[in-house]
Amino acid sequence: MNGRTSKTQRQHRITRLLESHAVTSQGQLVELLSAEGIDATQTTVSRDLDELGALKVRAPGGDTVYALPALPVHQLAPEDHLRRVLGEWVAEMACSGNLVVLRTPPGSAHVVGSALDRSGFPGLVGTVAGDDTVLVVAAEELGGAALAARLAEVARIEGDGRSSTEQEQ
């Protein structure tokens, strides 16, 4: 890899490094990334570790090392991460019944779906991500329109939670 990598690529590489090395410090992680041709500052690595949900855990032998939760279900993303992802990647939003459809640029739906799945967002049952579309399932008692309105509010994007049929009228 060259020194210019996207945030997603860098975070993916950090995940792999944490799985294959006993990383005890952010400085060590910066050096491991550098050895793979990825330039990153300690501040950037610190932010990445936070966004990935990395924790310091005691390893056999007593050292503390960075680790990621084993299952994504246990790795909740902070609301500001969800706000950034939705604000940067969601181009359109529509709803119907208890469903919300989010449109993204091609190849980006999985980023939005993953952020939503890890958000712990109230009333969100789950997501299905394609290439440029994320189907978000709302809890029956909440409904798609209310969930869309709440997502638009968090993301600070325009959207009033009305269904596409209501918007055309």
Protein backbone atom coordinates (compact mmCIF):
# COMPACT_ATOMS: atom_id res chain seq x y z
CA MET A 1 0.00 0.00 0.00
CA ASN A 2 1.08 3.54 -0.51
CA GLY A 3 1.06 6.23 2.15
CA ARG A 4 -2.32 7.56 0.94
CA THR A 5 -5.07 5.26 2.04
CA SER A 6 -8.68 5.95 2.80
CA LYS A 7 -9.96 5.94 6.34
CA THR A 8 -11.88 2.74 5.65
CA GLN A 9 -8.78 1.00 4.27
CA ARG A 10 -6.67 2.18 7.21
CA GLN A 11 -9.24 1.02 9.76
CA HIS A 12 -9.52 -2.34 8.02
CA ARG A 13 -5.74 -2.72 8.23
CA ILE A 14 -5.77 -1.70 11.91
CA THR A 15 -8.35 -4.41 12.56
CA ARG A 16 -6.11 -7.00 10.89
CA LEU A 17 -3.04 -5.78 12.81
CA LEU A 18 -4.87 -6.01 16.14
CA GLU A 19 -5.90 -9.56 15.26
CA SER A 20 -2.36 -10.63 14.36
CA HIS A 21 -0.16 -8.64 16.79
CA ALA A 22 -0.15 -7.90 20.50
CA VAL A 23 -0.35 -4.12 20.12
CA THR A 24 0.41 -2.44 23.44
CA SER A 25 0.46 1.23 22.38
CA GLN A 26 -0.73 3.63 19.74
CA GLY A 27 2.88 4.38 18.87
CA GLN A 28 3.49 0.70 18.15
CA LEU A 29 0.40 0.66 15.91
CA VAL A 30 1.69 3.72 14.01
CA GLU A 31 4.98 1.84 13.43
CA LEU A 32 3.19 -1.33 12.26
CA LEU A 33 1.12 0.70 9.81
CA SER A 34 4.24 2.49 8.59
CA ALA A 35 5.95 -0.86 7.99
CA GLU A 36 3.05 -1.68 5.67
CA GLY A 37 3.38 1.63 3.83
CA ILE A 38 0.50 3.40 5.57
CA ASP A 39 1.27 6.85 6.96
CA ALA A 40 -0.80 7.77 10.03
CA THR A 41 -0.26 10.03 12.99
CA GLN A 42 -0.84 8.92 16.57
CA THR A 43 -3.86 11.29 16.72
CA THR A 44 -5.39 9.60 13.66
CA VAL A 45 -4.72 6.14 15.08
CA SER A 46 -6.28 7.18 18.40
CA ARG A 47 -9.44 8.35 16.59
CA ASP A 48 -9.53 5.14 14.52
CA LEU A 49 -9.22 2.95 17.62
CA ASP A 50 -12.09 4.86 19.23
CA GLU A 51 -14.32 4.52 16.15
CA LEU A 52 -13.52 0.81 15.89
CA GLY A 53 -14.47 0.31 19.54
CA ALA A 54 -11.02 -0.97 20.49
CA LEU A 55 -10.44 -1.68 24.16
CA LYS A 56 -7.34 -2.25 26.26
CA VAL A 57 -7.46 -5.76 27.71
CA ARG A 58 -5.05 -7.72 29.86
CA ALA A 59 -3.30 -10.41 27.83
CA PRO A 60 -1.78 -13.61 29.23
CA GLY A 61 1.46 -12.51 30.88
CA GLY A 62 -0.01 -9.29 32.26
CA ASP A 63 0.54 -6.82 29.38
CA THR A 64 -2.38 -4.72 28.24
CA VAL A 65 -3.09 -4.84 24.52
CA TYR A 66 -5.65 -3.35 22.18
CA ALA A 67 -8.47 -5.68 21.17
CA LEU A 68 -11.73 -5.43 19.30
CA PRO A 69 -14.95 -6.98 20.61
CA ALA A 70 -15.37 -10.46 19.17
CA LEU A 71 -18.86 -9.83 17.84
CA PRO A 72 -20.05 -6.63 16.15
CA VAL A 73 -23.18 -6.79 18.34
CA HIS A 74 -20.97 -5.88 21.31
CA GLN A 75 -19.30 -3.01 19.46
CA LEU A 76 -21.62 -0.02 19.69
CA ALA A 77 -20.68 2.97 17.58
CA PRO A 78 -21.01 6.38 19.23
CA GLU A 79 -23.78 8.68 17.97
CA ASP A 80 -21.31 11.17 16.50
CA HIS A 81 -19.92 8.36 14.31
CA LEU A 82 -23.43 7.56 13.11
CA ARG A 83 -24.04 11.27 12.47
CA ARG A 84 -20.89 11.53 10.33
CA VAL A 85 -21.62 8.36 8.36
CA LEU A 86 -25.23 9.27 7.64
CA GLY A 87 -24.35 12.88 6.85
CA GLU A 88 -21.54 11.92 4.47
CA TRP A 89 -23.00 8.87 2.74
CA VAL A 90 -26.81 9.16 2.63
CA ALA A 91 -28.02 10.95 -0.49
CA GLU A 92 -31.76 10.19 -0.27
CA MET A 93 -34.20 8.79 2.25
CA ALA A 94 -37.73 7.41 1.77
CA CYS A 95 -40.05 5.26 3.86
CA SER A 96 -42.97 2.90 3.53
CA GLY A 97 -44.74 1.08 6.34
CA ASN A 98 -42.06 0.02 8.78
CA LEU A 99 -39.24 0.34 6.23
CA VAL A 100 -36.78 3.12 5.46
CA VAL A 101 -34.79 3.12 2.23
CA LEU A 102 -31.47 4.98 2.22
CA ARG A 103 -29.69 5.73 -1.07
CA THR A 104 -25.90 6.08 -1.07
CA PRO A 105 -23.20 6.49 -3.70
CA PRO A 106 -22.35 3.20 -5.46
CA GLY A 107 -20.39 0.81 -3.25
CA SER A 108 -21.16 2.69 -0.02
CA ALA A 109 -24.31 1.06 1.35
CA HIS A 110 -22.39 -1.41 3.52
CA VAL A 111 -20.70 1.47 5.39
CA VAL A 112 -24.07 2.98 6.29
CA GLY A 113 -25.63 -0.39 7.12
CA SER A 114 -22.76 -1.35 9.41
CA ALA A 115 -22.88 2.00 11.24
CA LEU A 116 -26.63 1.62 11.76
CA ASP A 117 -26.29 -1.99 12.92
CA ARG A 118 -23.65 -0.98 15.47
CA SER A 119 -25.47 2.16 16.62
CA GLY A 120 -27.93 0.62 19.05
CA PHE A 121 -30.41 3.12 17.58
CA PRO A 122 -33.79 2.79 19.34
CA GLY A 123 -36.51 1.32 17.16
CA LEU A 124 -34.11 -0.07 14.55
CA VAL A 125 -34.57 -3.81 14.04
CA GLY A 126 -31.87 -4.31 11.40
CA THR A 127 -30.54 -3.46 7.96
CA VAL A 128 -29.92 -5.07 4.61
CA ALA A 129 -27.29 -3.36 2.46
CA GLY A 130 -26.83 -3.71 -1.26
CA ASP A 131 -24.47 -1.70 -3.43
CA ASP A 132 -26.09 1.73 -3.21
CA THR A 133 -29.20 1.08 -1.13
CA VAL A 134 -29.77 0.25 2.52
CA LEU A 135 -33.10 -1.18 3.64
CA VAL A 136 -33.68 -0.27 7.29
CA VAL A 137 -36.35 -2.16 9.21
CA ALA A 138 -38.13 -0.22 11.95
CA ALA A 139 -39.87 -1.76 14.94
CA GLU A 140 -43.62 -2.12 14.32
CA GLU A 141 -44.52 0.25 17.15
CA LEU A 142 -42.24 2.98 15.75
CA GLY A 143 -42.83 2.69 12.01
CA GLY A 144 -40.72 3.75 9.05
CA ALA A 145 -41.81 7.40 8.94
CA ALA A 146 -40.87 8.02 12.57
CA LEU A 147 -37.54 6.19 12.21
CA ALA A 148 -36.73 8.13 9.02
CA ALA A 149 -37.47 11.41 10.80
CA ARG A 150 -35.22 10.44 13.73
CA LEU A 151 -32.41 9.32 11.40
CA ALA A 152 -32.68 12.58 9.44
CA GLU A 153 -32.48 14.51 12.71
CA VAL A 154 -29.38 12.63 13.89
CA ALA A 155 -27.72 12.99 10.51
CA ARG A 156 -28.72 16.63 10.21
CA ILE A 157 -29.89 15.94 6.68
CA GLU A 158 -33.06 17.10 5.03
CA GLY A 159 -35.85 14.64 5.34
CA ASP A 160 -39.20 14.83 7.05
CA GLY A 161 -39.94 11.13 7.44
CA ARG A 162 -42.84 11.21 4.96
CA SER A 163 -43.26 8.33 2.57
CA SER A 164 -42.29 8.89 -1.04
CA THR A 165 -46.00 8.90 -1.97
CA GLU A 166 -46.74 11.65 0.59
CA GLN A 167 -43.79 13.70 -0.66
CA GLU A 168 -45.10 13.65 -4.26
CA GLN A 169 -48.53 15.02 -3.23
